[in-house]
Amino acid sequence: MAYDVHIRTADGGVQYPNAFGYDIKDGILMVEVGDDADHADKIYFAPGYWQQYVVDPYGEDPLDLELDVFDDDEDEEYEDDDVEEDHDEADE
């Protein structure tokens, strides 16, 4: 089962739309993400860094993070070749 986890942090926020799990222990927020459950990483957020979180919200952006996670229009146009071109221009 995948979870949609939104996290407000001290310097912004992050969303994990396909997290495999989450937990809080001793104030440390853990989110498990990856390509599949067998190859997932656990990301830990220190108690002083994360401020709020919501799991499987009814609204698109309940914490007003203003993230564009589902805005795929711009992401589809961005390819590895663009990175190489930008890197080559910087070397000149």
PDB file of N, CA and C in Angstrom:
ATOM      1  N   MET A   1       0.842  -1.181   0.000  1.00  0.00           N
ATOM      2  CA  MET A   1       0.000   0.000   0.000  1.00  0.00           C
ATOM      3  C   MET A   1       0.886   1.242   0.000  1.00  0.00           C
ATOM      4  N   ALA A   2       0.584   2.168  -0.876  1.00  0.00           N
ATOM      5  CA  ALA A   2       1.347   3.413  -0.956  1.00  0.00           C
ATOM      6  C   ALA A   2       0.602   4.526  -0.221  1.00  0.00           C
ATOM      7  N   TYR A   3       1.379   5.432   0.342  1.00  0.00           N
ATOM      8  CA  TYR A   3       0.838   6.578   1.072  1.00  0.00           C
ATOM      9  C   TYR A   3       1.275   7.863   0.382  1.00  0.00           C
ATOM     10  N   ASP A   4       0.448   8.879   0.453  1.00  0.00           N
ATOM     11  CA  ASP A   4       0.784  10.219  -0.032  1.00  0.00           C
ATOM     12  C   ASP A   4       1.150  11.043   1.198  1.00  0.00           C
ATOM     13  N   VAL A   5       2.450  11.308   1.390  1.00  0.00           N
ATOM     14  CA  VAL A   5       2.931  11.984   2.590  1.00  0.00           C
ATOM     15  C   VAL A   5       3.409  13.388   2.231  1.00  0.00           C
ATOM     16  N   HIS A   6       2.840  14.400   2.886  1.00  0.00           N
ATOM     17  CA  HIS A   6       3.254  15.795   2.728  1.00  0.00           C
ATOM     18  C   HIS A   6       3.937  16.209   4.024  1.00  0.00           C
ATOM     19  N   ILE A   7       5.097  16.883   3.916  1.00  0.00           N
ATOM     20  CA  ILE A   7       5.835  17.286   5.110  1.00  0.00           C
ATOM     21  C   ILE A   7       6.223  18.753   4.999  1.00  0.00           C
ATOM     22  N   ARG A   8       5.863  19.542   6.011  1.00  0.00           N
ATOM     23  CA  ARG A   8       6.340  20.927   6.105  1.00  0.00           C
ATOM     24  C   ARG A   8       7.622  20.889   6.922  1.00  0.00           C
ATOM     25  N   THR A   9       8.672  21.512   6.360  1.00  0.00           N
ATOM     26  CA  THR A   9       9.967  21.547   7.038  1.00  0.00           C
ATOM     27  C   THR A   9      10.320  22.981   7.402  1.00  0.00           C
ATOM     28  N   ALA A  10      11.400  23.151   8.129  1.00  0.00           N
ATOM     29  CA  ALA A  10      11.825  24.482   8.559  1.00  0.00           C
ATOM     30  C   ALA A  10      12.143  25.388   7.380  1.00  0.00           C
ATOM     31  N   ASP A  11      12.531  24.814   6.242  1.00  0.00           N
ATOM     32  CA  ASP A  11      12.903  25.631   5.090  1.00  0.00           C
ATOM     33  C   ASP A  11      12.031  25.385   3.861  1.00  0.00           C
ATOM     34  N   GLY A  12      10.842  24.850   4.032  1.00  0.00           N
ATOM     35  CA  GLY A  12       9.956  24.624   2.896  1.00  0.00           C
ATOM     36  C   GLY A  12       9.083  23.408   3.115  1.00  0.00           C
ATOM     37  N   GLY A  13       9.149  22.480   2.175  1.00  0.00           N
ATOM     38  CA  GLY A  13       8.354  21.278   2.314  1.00  0.00           C
ATOM     39  C   GLY A  13       8.691  20.273   1.246  1.00  0.00           C
ATOM     40  N   VAL A  14       8.153  19.079   1.405  1.00  0.00           N
ATOM     41  CA  VAL A  14       8.396  17.995   0.460  1.00  0.00           C
ATOM     42  C   VAL A  14       7.176  17.084   0.456  1.00  0.00           C
ATOM     43  N   GLN A  15       6.955  16.436  -0.680  1.00  0.00           N
ATOM     44  CA  GLN A  15       5.842  15.503  -0.798  1.00  0.00           C
ATOM     45  C   GLN A  15       6.362  14.187  -1.360  1.00  0.00           C
ATOM     46  N   TYR A  16       5.938  13.092  -0.770  1.00  0.00           N
ATOM     47  CA  TYR A  16       6.249  11.757  -1.258  1.00  0.00           C
ATOM     48  C   TYR A  16       4.925  11.097  -1.630  1.00  0.00           C
ATOM     49  N   PRO A  17       4.512  11.192  -2.912  1.00  0.00           N
ATOM     50  CA  PRO A  17       3.195  10.691  -3.303  1.00  0.00           C
ATOM     51  C   PRO A  17       3.073   9.170  -3.304  1.00  0.00           C
ATOM     52  N   ASN A  18       4.191   8.452  -3.286  1.00  0.00           N
ATOM     53  CA  ASN A  18       4.148   6.994  -3.319  1.00  0.00           C
ATOM     54  C   ASN A  18       5.021   6.380  -2.231  1.00  0.00           C
ATOM     55  N   ALA A  19       4.911   6.883  -1.021  1.00  0.00           N
ATOM     56  CA  ALA A  19       5.705   6.357   0.097  1.00  0.00           C
ATOM     57  C   ALA A  19       5.181   4.978   0.497  1.00  0.00           C
ATOM     58  N   PHE A  20       6.092   4.090   0.849  1.00  0.00           N
ATOM     59  CA  PHE A  20       5.711   2.741   1.269  1.00  0.00           C
ATOM     60  C   PHE A  20       5.355   2.675   2.747  1.00  0.00           C
ATOM     61  N   GLY A  21       5.855   3.632   3.518  1.00  0.00           N
ATOM     62  CA  GLY A  21       5.561   3.636   4.938  1.00  0.00           C
ATOM     63  C   GLY A  21       6.035   4.913   5.594  1.00  0.00           C
ATOM     64  N   TYR A  22       5.613   5.114   6.821  1.00  0.00           N
ATOM     65  CA  TYR A  22       6.027   6.276   7.606  1.00  0.00           C
ATOM     66  C   TYR A  22       5.895   5.914   9.074  1.00  0.00           C
ATOM     67  N   ASP A  23       6.639   6.622   9.916  1.00  0.00           N
ATOM     68  CA  ASP A  23       6.598   6.342  11.347  1.00  0.00           C
ATOM     69  C   ASP A  23       7.221   7.517  12.090  1.00  0.00           C
ATOM     70  N   ILE A  24       6.860   7.677  13.341  1.00  0.00           N
ATOM     71  CA  ILE A  24       7.499   8.668  14.214  1.00  0.00           C
ATOM     72  C   ILE A  24       7.956   7.941  15.468  1.00  0.00           C
ATOM     73  N   LYS A  25       9.229   8.115  15.790  1.00  0.00           N
ATOM     74  CA  LYS A  25       9.772   7.526  17.010  1.00  0.00           C
ATOM     75  C   LYS A  25      10.703   8.542  17.644  1.00  0.00           C
ATOM     76  N   ASP A  26      10.463   8.871  18.894  1.00  0.00           N
ATOM     77  CA  ASP A  26      11.262   9.863  19.623  1.00  0.00           C
ATOM     78  C   ASP A  26      11.320  11.199  18.886  1.00  0.00           C
ATOM     79  N   GLY A  27      10.232  11.558  18.206  1.00  0.00           N
ATOM     80  CA  GLY A  27      10.157  12.824  17.498  1.00  0.00           C
ATOM     81  C   GLY A  27      10.784  12.811  16.119  1.00  0.00           C
ATOM     82  N   ILE A  28      11.391  11.701  15.718  1.00  0.00           N
ATOM     83  CA  ILE A  28      12.022  11.581  14.401  1.00  0.00           C
ATOM     84  C   ILE A  28      10.995  11.006  13.428  1.00  0.00           C
ATOM     85  N   LEU A  29      10.732  11.748  12.353  1.00  0.00           N
ATOM     86  CA  LEU A  29       9.790  11.308  11.328  1.00  0.00           C
ATOM     87  C   LEU A  29      10.550  10.510  10.275  1.00  0.00           C
ATOM     88  N   MET A  30      10.083   9.296   9.981  1.00  0.00           N
ATOM     89  CA  MET A  30      10.702   8.440   8.978  1.00  0.00           C
ATOM     90  C   MET A  30       9.703   8.215   7.856  1.00  0.00           C
ATOM     91  N   VAL A  31      10.182   8.343   6.608  1.00  0.00           N
ATOM     92  CA  VAL A  31       9.364   8.057   5.437  1.00  0.00           C
ATOM     93  C   VAL A  31      10.136   7.058   4.585  1.00  0.00           C
ATOM     94  N   GLU A  32       9.463   6.006   4.153  1.00  0.00           N
ATOM     95  CA  GLU A  32      10.095   4.962   3.347  1.00  0.00           C
ATOM     96  C   GLU A  32       9.669   5.133   1.890  1.00  0.00           C
ATOM     97  N   VAL A  33      10.648   5.370   1.005  1.00  0.00           N
ATOM     98  CA  VAL A  33      10.372   5.621  -0.411  1.00  0.00           C
ATOM     99  C   VAL A  33      11.349   4.834  -1.282  1.00  0.00           C
ATOM    100  N   GLY A  34      10.987   4.633  -2.542  1.00  0.00           N
ATOM    101  CA  GLY A  34      11.866   3.953  -3.484  1.00  0.00           C
ATOM    102  C   GLY A  34      11.095   3.465  -4.689  1.00  0.00           C
ATOM    103  N   ASP A  35      11.803   2.705  -5.536  1.00  0.00           N
ATOM    104  CA  ASP A  35      11.181   2.165  -6.741  1.00  0.00           C
ATOM    105  C   ASP A  35      10.151   1.088  -6.416  1.00  0.00           C
ATOM    106  N   ASP A  36      10.455   0.262  -5.424  1.00  0.00           N
ATOM    107  CA  ASP A  36       9.519  -0.756  -4.960  1.00  0.00           C
ATOM    108  C   ASP A  36       9.836  -1.070  -3.504  1.00  0.00           C
ATOM    109  N   ALA A  37       8.976  -1.826  -2.866  1.00  0.00           N
ATOM    110  CA  ALA A  37       9.133  -2.083  -1.429  1.00  0.00           C
ATOM    111  C   ALA A  37      10.424  -2.827  -1.103  1.00  0.00           C
ATOM    112  N   ASP A  38      10.905  -3.648  -2.033  1.00  0.00           N
ATOM    113  CA  ASP A  38      12.148  -4.390  -1.796  1.00  0.00           C
ATOM    114  C   ASP A  38      13.390  -3.519  -1.917  1.00  0.00           C
ATOM    115  N   HIS A  39      13.281  -2.391  -2.609  1.00  0.00           N
ATOM    116  CA  HIS A  39      14.420  -1.497  -2.828  1.00  0.00           C
ATOM    117  C   HIS A  39      14.110  -0.091  -2.318  1.00  0.00           C
ATOM    118  N   ALA A  40      13.557  -0.010  -1.132  1.00  0.00           N
ATOM    119  CA  ALA A  40      13.146   1.278  -0.567  1.00  0.00           C
ATOM    120  C   ALA A  40      14.214   1.823   0.377  1.00  0.00           C
ATOM    121  N   ASP A  41      14.282   3.142   0.439  1.00  0.00           N
ATOM    122  CA  ASP A  41      15.166   3.836   1.371  1.00  0.00           C
ATOM    123  C   ASP A  41      14.317   4.466   2.464  1.00  0.00           C
ATOM    124  N   LYS A  42      14.888   4.581   3.633  1.00  0.00           N
ATOM    125  CA  LYS A  42      14.216   5.261   4.736  1.00  0.00           C
ATOM    126  C   LYS A  42      14.851   6.635   4.901  1.00  0.00           C
ATOM    127  N   ILE A  43      14.025   7.662   4.826  1.00  0.00           N
ATOM    128  CA  ILE A  43      14.480   9.041   4.978  1.00  0.00           C
ATOM    129  C   ILE A  43      14.016   9.519   6.348  1.00  0.00           C
ATOM    130  N   TYR A  44      14.951  10.050   7.125  1.00  0.00           N
ATOM    131  CA  TYR A  44      14.654  10.480   8.491  1.00  0.00           C
ATOM    132  C   TYR A  44      14.689  12.001   8.578  1.00  0.00           C
ATOM    133  N   PHE A  45      13.710  12.572   9.261  1.00  0.00           N
ATOM    134  CA  PHE A  45      13.623  14.010   9.476  1.00  0.00           C
ATOM    135  C   PHE A  45      13.791  14.284  10.964  1.00  0.00           C
ATOM    136  N   ALA A  46      14.772  15.107  11.313  1.00  0.00           N
ATOM    137  CA  ALA A  46      15.057  15.437  12.711  1.00  0.00           C
ATOM    138  C   ALA A  46      13.885  16.194  13.328  1.00  0.00           C
ATOM    139  N   PRO A  47      13.687  16.041  14.642  1.00  0.00           N
ATOM    140  CA  PRO A  47      12.561  16.696  15.316  1.00  0.00           C
ATOM    141  C   PRO A  47      12.519  18.210  15.115  1.00  0.00           C
ATOM    142  N   GLY A  48      13.637  18.873  15.053  1.00  0.00           N
ATOM    143  CA  GLY A  48      13.654  20.317  14.866  1.00  0.00           C
ATOM    144  C   GLY A  48      13.500  20.749  13.424  1.00  0.00           C
ATOM    145  N   TYR A  49      13.553  19.795  12.483  1.00  0.00           N
ATOM    146  CA  TYR A  49      13.486  20.135  11.062  1.00  0.00           C
ATOM    147  C   TYR A  49      12.068  20.023  10.511  1.00  0.00           C
ATOM    148  N   TRP A  50      11.371  18.947  10.814  1.00  0.00           N
ATOM    149  CA  TRP A  50      10.007  18.841  10.308  1.00  0.00           C
ATOM    150  C   TRP A  50       9.051  19.507  11.294  1.00  0.00           C
ATOM    151  N   GLN A  51       7.997  20.131  10.740  1.00  0.00           N
ATOM    152  CA  GLN A  51       7.062  20.873  11.575  1.00  0.00           C
ATOM    153  C   GLN A  51       5.658  20.279  11.558  1.00  0.00           C
ATOM    154  N   GLN A  52       5.212  19.847  10.384  1.00  0.00           N
ATOM    155  CA  GLN A  52       3.884  19.255  10.237  1.00  0.00           C
ATOM    156  C   GLN A  52       3.960  18.176   9.175  1.00  0.00           C
ATOM    157  N   TYR A  53       3.047  17.228   9.249  1.00  0.00           N
ATOM    158  CA  TYR A  53       2.927  16.268   8.158  1.00  0.00           C
ATOM    159  C   TYR A  53       1.478  15.814   8.055  1.00  0.00           C
ATOM    160  N   VAL A  54       1.117  15.337   6.872  1.00  0.00           N
ATOM    161  CA  VAL A  54      -0.220  14.801   6.644  1.00  0.00           C
ATOM    162  C   VAL A  54      -0.064  13.587   5.731  1.00  0.00           C
ATOM    163  N   VAL A  55      -0.880  12.568   5.967  1.00  0.00           N
ATOM    164  CA  VAL A  55      -0.837  11.340   5.179  1.00  0.00           C
ATOM    165  C   VAL A  55      -2.176  11.150   4.487  1.00  0.00           C
ATOM    166  N   ASP A  56      -2.126  10.868   3.184  1.00  0.00           N
ATOM    167  CA  ASP A  56      -3.318  10.650   2.368  1.00  0.00           C
ATOM    168  C   ASP A  56      -4.361  11.750   2.569  1.00  0.00           C
ATOM    169  N   PRO A  57      -3.995  12.993   2.279  1.00  0.00           N
ATOM    170  CA  PRO A  57      -4.931  14.103   2.495  1.00  0.00           C
ATOM    171  C   PRO A  57      -6.096  14.075   1.508  1.00  0.00           C
ATOM    172  N   TYR A  58      -7.203  14.676   1.927  1.00  0.00           N
ATOM    173  CA  TYR A  58      -8.351  14.810   1.039  1.00  0.00           C
ATOM    174  C   TYR A  58      -8.118  15.913   0.018  1.00  0.00           C
ATOM    175  N   GLY A  59      -7.449  16.987   0.430  1.00  0.00           N
ATOM    176  CA  GLY A  59      -7.138  18.078  -0.480  1.00  0.00           C
ATOM    177  C   GLY A  59      -5.795  17.857  -1.148  1.00  0.00           C
ATOM    178  N   GLU A  60      -5.521  18.601  -2.229  1.00  0.00           N
ATOM    179  CA  GLU A  60      -4.263  18.441  -2.952  1.00  0.00           C
ATOM    180  C   GLU A  60      -3.067  18.972  -2.175  1.00  0.00           C
ATOM    181  N   ASP A  61      -3.236  20.074  -1.452  1.00  0.00           N
ATOM    182  CA  ASP A  61      -2.106  20.706  -0.764  1.00  0.00           C
ATOM    183  C   ASP A  61      -2.556  21.260   0.588  1.00  0.00           C
ATOM    184  N   PRO A  62      -2.885  20.400   1.537  1.00  0.00           N
ATOM    185  CA  PRO A  62      -3.441  20.874   2.808  1.00  0.00           C
ATOM    186  C   PRO A  62      -2.474  21.700   3.649  1.00  0.00           C
ATOM    187  N   LEU A  63      -1.178  21.560   3.439  1.00  0.00           N
ATOM    188  CA  LEU A  63      -0.200  22.327   4.217  1.00  0.00           C
ATOM    189  C   LEU A  63       0.276  23.577   3.476  1.00  0.00           C
ATOM    190  N   ASP A  64      -0.332  23.888   2.345  1.00  0.00           N
ATOM    191  CA  ASP A  64       0.057  25.036   1.510  1.00  0.00           C
ATOM    192  C   ASP A  64       1.547  25.029   1.201  1.00  0.00           C
ATOM    193  N   LEU A  65       2.057  23.879   0.767  1.00  0.00           N
ATOM    194  CA  LEU A  65       3.469  23.758   0.417  1.00  0.00           C
ATOM    195  C   LEU A  65       3.753  24.306  -0.973  1.00  0.00           C
ATOM    196  N   GLU A  66       2.708  24.412  -1.807  1.00  0.00           N
ATOM    197  CA  GLU A  66       2.823  24.920  -3.172  1.00  0.00           C
ATOM    198  C   GLU A  66       3.847  24.132  -3.979  1.00  0.00           C
ATOM    199  N   LEU A  67       3.827  22.818  -3.827  1.00  0.00           N
ATOM    200  CA  LEU A  67       4.720  21.947  -4.576  1.00  0.00           C
ATOM    201  C   LEU A  67       4.068  21.562  -5.891  1.00  0.00           C
ATOM    202  N   ASP A  68       4.882  21.332  -6.921  1.00  0.00           N
ATOM    203  CA  ASP A  68       4.382  20.953  -8.235  1.00  0.00           C
ATOM    204  C   ASP A  68       4.692  19.489  -8.533  1.00  0.00           C
ATOM    205  N   VAL A  69       4.407  18.601  -7.598  1.00  0.00           N
ATOM    206  CA  VAL A  69       4.739  17.188  -7.767  1.00  0.00           C
ATOM    207  C   VAL A  69       3.998  16.579  -8.943  1.00  0.00           C
ATOM    208  N   PHE A  70       2.748  16.984  -9.154  1.00  0.00           N
ATOM    209  CA  PHE A  70       1.958  16.383 -10.209  1.00  0.00           C
ATOM    210  C   PHE A  70       1.924  17.232 -11.469  1.00  0.00           C
ATOM    211  N   ASP A  71       2.747  18.238 -11.566  1.00  0.00           N
ATOM    212  CA  ASP A  71       2.832  19.073 -12.756  1.00  0.00           C
ATOM    213  C   ASP A  71       3.884  18.470 -13.675  1.00  0.00           C
ATOM    214  N   ASP A  72       3.469  17.479 -14.490  1.00  0.00           N
ATOM    215  CA  ASP A  72       4.405  16.724 -15.320  1.00  0.00           C
ATOM    216  C   ASP A  72       4.742  17.403 -16.635  1.00  0.00           C
ATOM    217  N   ASP A  73       4.056  18.475 -17.017  1.00  0.00           N
ATOM    218  CA  ASP A  73       4.293  19.106 -18.305  1.00  0.00           C
ATOM    219  C   ASP A  73       5.740  19.542 -18.464  1.00  0.00           C
ATOM    220  N   GLU A  74       6.289  20.215 -17.474  1.00  0.00           N
ATOM    221  CA  GLU A  74       7.658  20.701 -17.566  1.00  0.00           C
ATOM    222  C   GLU A  74       8.657  19.567 -17.403  1.00  0.00           C
ATOM    223  N   ASP A  75       8.361  18.596 -16.564  1.00  0.00           N
ATOM    224  CA  ASP A  75       9.284  17.496 -16.305  1.00  0.00           C
ATOM    225  C   ASP A  75       9.491  16.620 -17.531  1.00  0.00           C
ATOM    226  N   GLU A  76       8.457  16.436 -18.345  1.00  0.00           N
ATOM    227  CA  GLU A  76       8.571  15.581 -19.515  1.00  0.00           C
ATOM    228  C   GLU A  76       9.524  16.164 -20.543  1.00  0.00           C
ATOM    229  N   GLU A  77       9.622  17.475 -20.630  1.00  0.00           N
ATOM    230  CA  GLU A  77      10.482  18.115 -21.609  1.00  0.00           C
ATOM    231  C   GLU A  77      11.943  18.128 -21.184  1.00  0.00           C
ATOM    232  N   TYR A  78      12.219  17.879 -19.946  1.00  0.00           N
ATOM    233  CA  TYR A  78      13.566  17.938 -19.403  1.00  0.00           C
ATOM    234  C   TYR A  78      14.227  16.575 -19.537  1.00  0.00           C
ATOM    235  N   GLU A  79      15.353  16.522 -20.258  1.00  0.00           N
ATOM    236  CA  GLU A  79      16.042  15.260 -20.478  1.00  0.00           C
ATOM    237  C   GLU A  79      17.500  15.382 -20.067  1.00  0.00           C
ATOM    238  N   ASP A  80      18.203  14.255 -20.017  1.00  0.00           N
ATOM    239  CA  ASP A  80      19.618  14.245 -19.662  1.00  0.00           C
ATOM    240  C   ASP A  80      20.453  15.079 -20.629  1.00  0.00           C
ATOM    241  N   ASP A  81      20.050  15.131 -21.911  1.00  0.00           N
ATOM    242  CA  ASP A  81      20.790  15.927 -22.888  1.00  0.00           C
ATOM    243  C   ASP A  81      20.812  17.396 -22.488  1.00  0.00           C
ATOM    244  N   ASP A  82      19.720  17.881 -21.889  1.00  0.00           N
ATOM    245  CA  ASP A  82      19.665  19.268 -21.445  1.00  0.00           C
ATOM    246  C   ASP A  82      20.715  19.529 -20.375  1.00  0.00           C
ATOM    247  N   VAL A  83      20.925  18.591 -19.494  1.00  0.00           N
ATOM    248  CA  VAL A  83      21.919  18.736 -18.432  1.00  0.00           C
ATOM    249  C   VAL A  83      23.309  18.808 -19.037  1.00  0.00           C
ATOM    250  N   GLU A  84      23.596  17.930 -20.009  1.00  0.00           N
ATOM    251  CA  GLU A  84      24.904  17.929 -20.653  1.00  0.00           C
ATOM    252  C   GLU A  84      25.145  19.243 -21.388  1.00  0.00           C
ATOM    253  N   GLU A  85      24.125  19.776 -22.076  1.00  0.00           N
ATOM    254  CA  GLU A  85      24.273  21.041 -22.786  1.00  0.00           C
ATOM    255  C   GLU A  85      24.546  22.174 -21.811  1.00  0.00           C
ATOM    256  N   ASP A  86      23.815  22.223 -20.705  1.00  0.00           N
ATOM    257  CA  ASP A  86      24.036  23.257 -19.698  1.00  0.00           C
ATOM    258  C   ASP A  86      25.437  23.155 -19.121  1.00  0.00           C
ATOM    259  N   HIS A  87      25.914  21.941 -18.900  1.00  0.00           N
ATOM    260  CA  HIS A  87      27.253  21.732 -18.345  1.00  0.00           C
ATOM    261  C   HIS A  87      28.314  22.187 -19.342  1.00  0.00           C
ATOM    262  N   ASP A  88      28.116  21.880 -20.645  1.00  0.00           N
ATOM    263  CA  ASP A  88      29.075  22.288 -21.671  1.00  0.00           C
ATOM    264  C   ASP A  88      29.145  23.802 -21.789  1.00  0.00           C
ATOM    265  N   GLU A  89      27.993  24.475 -21.701  1.00  0.00           N
ATOM    266  CA  GLU A  89      27.970  25.932 -21.791  1.00  0.00           C
ATOM    267  C   GLU A  89      28.688  26.563 -20.610  1.00  0.00           C
ATOM    268  N   ALA A  90      28.584  25.977 -19.456  1.00  0.00           N
ATOM    269  CA  ALA A  90      29.239  26.513 -18.264  1.00  0.00           C
ATOM    270  C   ALA A  90      30.752  26.387 -18.363  1.00  0.00           C
ATOM    271  N   ASP A  91      31.240  25.362 -19.092  1.00  0.00           N
ATOM    272  CA  ASP A  91      32.680  25.164 -19.234  1.00  0.00           C
ATOM    273  C   ASP A  91      33.308  26.169 -20.186  1.00  0.00           C
ATOM    274  N   GLU A  92      32.508  26.761 -21.066  1.00  0.00           N
ATOM    275  CA  GLU A  92      33.053  27.684 -22.076  1.00  0.00           C
ATOM    276  C   GLU A  92      33.409  29.017 -21.524  1.00  0.00           C
TER     277      GLU A  92
END
